[in-house]
Amino acid sequence: MNKLRFKKLEESNLKKFINNPETLVFTMNSYQDIIATNDTFETFFKGKNNLRELVNPHERIVMDKAIDSVKAGHSTTLEIDFMEKSKVYRPYK
């Protein structure tokens, strides 16, 4: 029973994290296509289908290096500006 309780608690914590309006959550494939998002991401970036649509061209190199690091099995933290509207960028971490 403890194992089930632990899994329920873990699920509850994950739902709180995903549904936090201060948190952007998205999943992308190896082509940087965005395949799943939380509601907050959808609110700010409705209709955006690829990570490259959101990133300033000058920051793509930084983003690509961070993604390569994750692919190699390392964790990384990245602060990057995402374009919310045409030519309007906002920093996210």
C-alpha atoms as a PDB file:
ATOM      1  CA  MET A   1       0.000   0.000   0.000  1.00  0.00           C
ATOM      2  CA  ASN A   2       2.905   2.392   0.669  1.00  0.00           C
ATOM      3  CA  LYS A   3       4.040   2.031  -2.936  1.00  0.00           C
ATOM      4  CA  LEU A   4       0.610   3.045  -4.228  1.00  0.00           C
ATOM      5  CA  ARG A   5       0.454   6.001  -1.841  1.00  0.00           C
ATOM      6  CA  PHE A   6       3.905   7.118  -2.969  1.00  0.00           C
ATOM      7  CA  LYS A   7       2.868   6.923  -6.642  1.00  0.00           C
ATOM      8  CA  LYS A   8      -0.297   8.946  -5.935  1.00  0.00           C
ATOM      9  CA  LEU A   9       1.739  11.613  -4.147  1.00  0.00           C
ATOM     10  CA  GLU A  10       4.249  11.670  -6.992  1.00  0.00           C
ATOM     11  CA  GLU A  11       1.406  12.048  -9.507  1.00  0.00           C
ATOM     12  CA  SER A  12      -0.147  14.863  -7.491  1.00  0.00           C
ATOM     13  CA  ASN A  13       3.158  16.758  -7.311  1.00  0.00           C
ATOM     14  CA  LEU A  14       3.722  16.340 -11.034  1.00  0.00           C
ATOM     15  CA  LYS A  15       0.234  17.653 -11.838  1.00  0.00           C
ATOM     16  CA  LYS A  16       0.858  20.705  -9.635  1.00  0.00           C
ATOM     17  CA  PHE A  17       4.128  21.381 -11.435  1.00  0.00           C
ATOM     18  CA  ILE A  18       2.635  20.966 -14.913  1.00  0.00           C
ATOM     19  CA  ASN A  19      -0.430  23.078 -14.146  1.00  0.00           C
ATOM     20  CA  ASN A  20       1.518  25.892 -12.446  1.00  0.00           C
ATOM     21  CA  PRO A  21       0.701  29.076 -14.380  1.00  0.00           C
ATOM     22  CA  GLU A  22       4.284  30.276 -13.822  1.00  0.00           C
ATOM     23  CA  THR A  23       5.733  27.222 -15.587  1.00  0.00           C
ATOM     24  CA  LEU A  24       6.042  26.499 -19.291  1.00  0.00           C
ATOM     25  CA  VAL A  25       6.052  22.777 -20.005  1.00  0.00           C
ATOM     26  CA  PHE A  26       6.502  21.340 -23.470  1.00  0.00           C
ATOM     27  CA  THR A  27       7.793  18.201 -25.125  1.00  0.00           C
ATOM     28  CA  MET A  28       9.544  18.212 -28.452  1.00  0.00           C
ATOM     29  CA  ASN A  29      10.888  15.601 -30.833  1.00  0.00           C
ATOM     30  CA  SER A  30      14.385  15.433 -32.346  1.00  0.00           C
ATOM     31  CA  TYR A  31      13.344  17.896 -35.079  1.00  0.00           C
ATOM     32  CA  GLN A  32      12.332  20.408 -32.369  1.00  0.00           C
ATOM     33  CA  ASP A  33       8.653  20.023 -33.276  1.00  0.00           C
ATOM     34  CA  ILE A  34       6.525  20.796 -30.224  1.00  0.00           C
ATOM     35  CA  ILE A  35       4.322  17.766 -29.651  1.00  0.00           C
ATOM     36  CA  ALA A  36       2.807  18.368 -26.198  1.00  0.00           C
ATOM     37  CA  THR A  37       2.348  21.437 -23.976  1.00  0.00           C
ATOM     38  CA  ASN A  38       0.726  22.589 -20.761  1.00  0.00           C
ATOM     39  CA  ASP A  39      -2.045  25.196 -20.768  1.00  0.00           C
ATOM     40  CA  THR A  40       0.328  28.071 -19.947  1.00  0.00           C
ATOM     41  CA  PHE A  41       2.510  27.314 -22.965  1.00  0.00           C
ATOM     42  CA  GLU A  42      -0.577  27.091 -25.184  1.00  0.00           C
ATOM     43  CA  THR A  43      -1.836  30.448 -23.894  1.00  0.00           C
ATOM     44  CA  PHE A  44       1.366  32.308 -24.787  1.00  0.00           C
ATOM     45  CA  PHE A  45       2.414  30.393 -27.900  1.00  0.00           C
ATOM     46  CA  LYS A  46      -0.815  29.212 -29.498  1.00  0.00           C
ATOM     47  CA  GLY A  47      -0.197  27.752 -32.942  1.00  0.00           C
ATOM     48  CA  LYS A  48       3.577  27.511 -32.587  1.00  0.00           C
ATOM     49  CA  ASN A  49       4.666  24.069 -33.773  1.00  0.00           C
ATOM     50  CA  ASN A  50       8.447  24.203 -33.658  1.00  0.00           C
ATOM     51  CA  LEU A  51      10.871  25.545 -31.075  1.00  0.00           C
ATOM     52  CA  ARG A  52      12.739  27.473 -33.774  1.00  0.00           C
ATOM     53  CA  GLU A  53       9.615  29.609 -34.333  1.00  0.00           C
ATOM     54  CA  LEU A  54       9.997  30.932 -30.784  1.00  0.00           C
ATOM     55  CA  VAL A  55      13.710  31.594 -30.524  1.00  0.00           C
ATOM     56  CA  ASN A  56      15.689  34.622 -31.624  1.00  0.00           C
ATOM     57  CA  PRO A  57      18.060  33.509 -34.407  1.00  0.00           C
ATOM     58  CA  HIS A  58      21.074  34.706 -32.344  1.00  0.00           C
ATOM     59  CA  GLU A  59      20.093  32.402 -29.461  1.00  0.00           C
ATOM     60  CA  ARG A  60      19.613  29.278 -31.588  1.00  0.00           C
ATOM     61  CA  ILE A  61      23.272  28.334 -31.159  1.00  0.00           C
ATOM     62  CA  VAL A  62      22.929  28.431 -27.360  1.00  0.00           C
ATOM     63  CA  MET A  63      19.703  26.450 -27.564  1.00  0.00           C
ATOM     64  CA  ASP A  64      21.211  23.853 -29.905  1.00  0.00           C
ATOM     65  CA  LYS A  65      24.180  23.345 -27.555  1.00  0.00           C
ATOM     66  CA  ALA A  66      21.824  22.869 -24.592  1.00  0.00           C
ATOM     67  CA  ILE A  67      19.773  20.327 -26.535  1.00  0.00           C
ATOM     68  CA  ASP A  68      22.945  18.455 -27.546  1.00  0.00           C
ATOM     69  CA  SER A  69      23.952  18.352 -23.886  1.00  0.00           C
ATOM     70  CA  VAL A  70      20.604  16.829 -22.924  1.00  0.00           C
ATOM     71  CA  LYS A  71      20.862  14.280 -25.745  1.00  0.00           C
ATOM     72  CA  ALA A  72      24.272  13.283 -24.359  1.00  0.00           C
ATOM     73  CA  GLY A  73      22.619  12.472 -21.033  1.00  0.00           C
ATOM     74  CA  HIS A  74      23.482  15.635 -19.122  1.00  0.00           C
ATOM     75  CA  SER A  75      21.021  17.957 -17.433  1.00  0.00           C
ATOM     76  CA  THR A  76      21.051  21.618 -18.283  1.00  0.00           C
ATOM     77  CA  THR A  77      19.421  24.882 -17.354  1.00  0.00           C
ATOM     78  CA  LEU A  78      18.812  27.458 -20.008  1.00  0.00           C
ATOM     79  CA  GLU A  79      17.554  31.008 -19.914  1.00  0.00           C
ATOM     80  CA  ILE A  80      16.323  32.029 -23.312  1.00  0.00           C
ATOM     81  CA  ASP A  81      14.055  34.631 -24.883  1.00  0.00           C
ATOM     82  CA  PHE A  82      10.924  33.211 -26.522  1.00  0.00           C
ATOM     83  CA  MET A  83       8.966  35.285 -29.002  1.00  0.00           C
ATOM     84  CA  GLU A  84       5.447  35.751 -27.645  1.00  0.00           C
ATOM     85  CA  LYS A  85       4.299  38.027 -30.469  1.00  0.00           C
ATOM     86  CA  SER A  86       5.925  39.164 -33.675  1.00  0.00           C
ATOM     87  CA  LYS A  87       9.282  40.689 -32.683  1.00  0.00           C
ATOM     88  CA  VAL A  88       8.367  40.697 -28.955  1.00  0.00           C
ATOM     89  CA  TYR A  89      10.698  38.480 -26.908  1.00  0.00           C
ATOM     90  CA  ARG A  90      10.417  37.623 -23.205  1.00  0.00           C
ATOM     91  CA  PRO A  91      13.070  35.797 -21.134  1.00  0.00           C
ATOM     92  CA  TYR A  92      12.281  32.309 -19.807  1.00  0.00           C
ATOM     93  CA  LYS A  93      14.379  29.959 -17.737  1.00  0.00           C
END
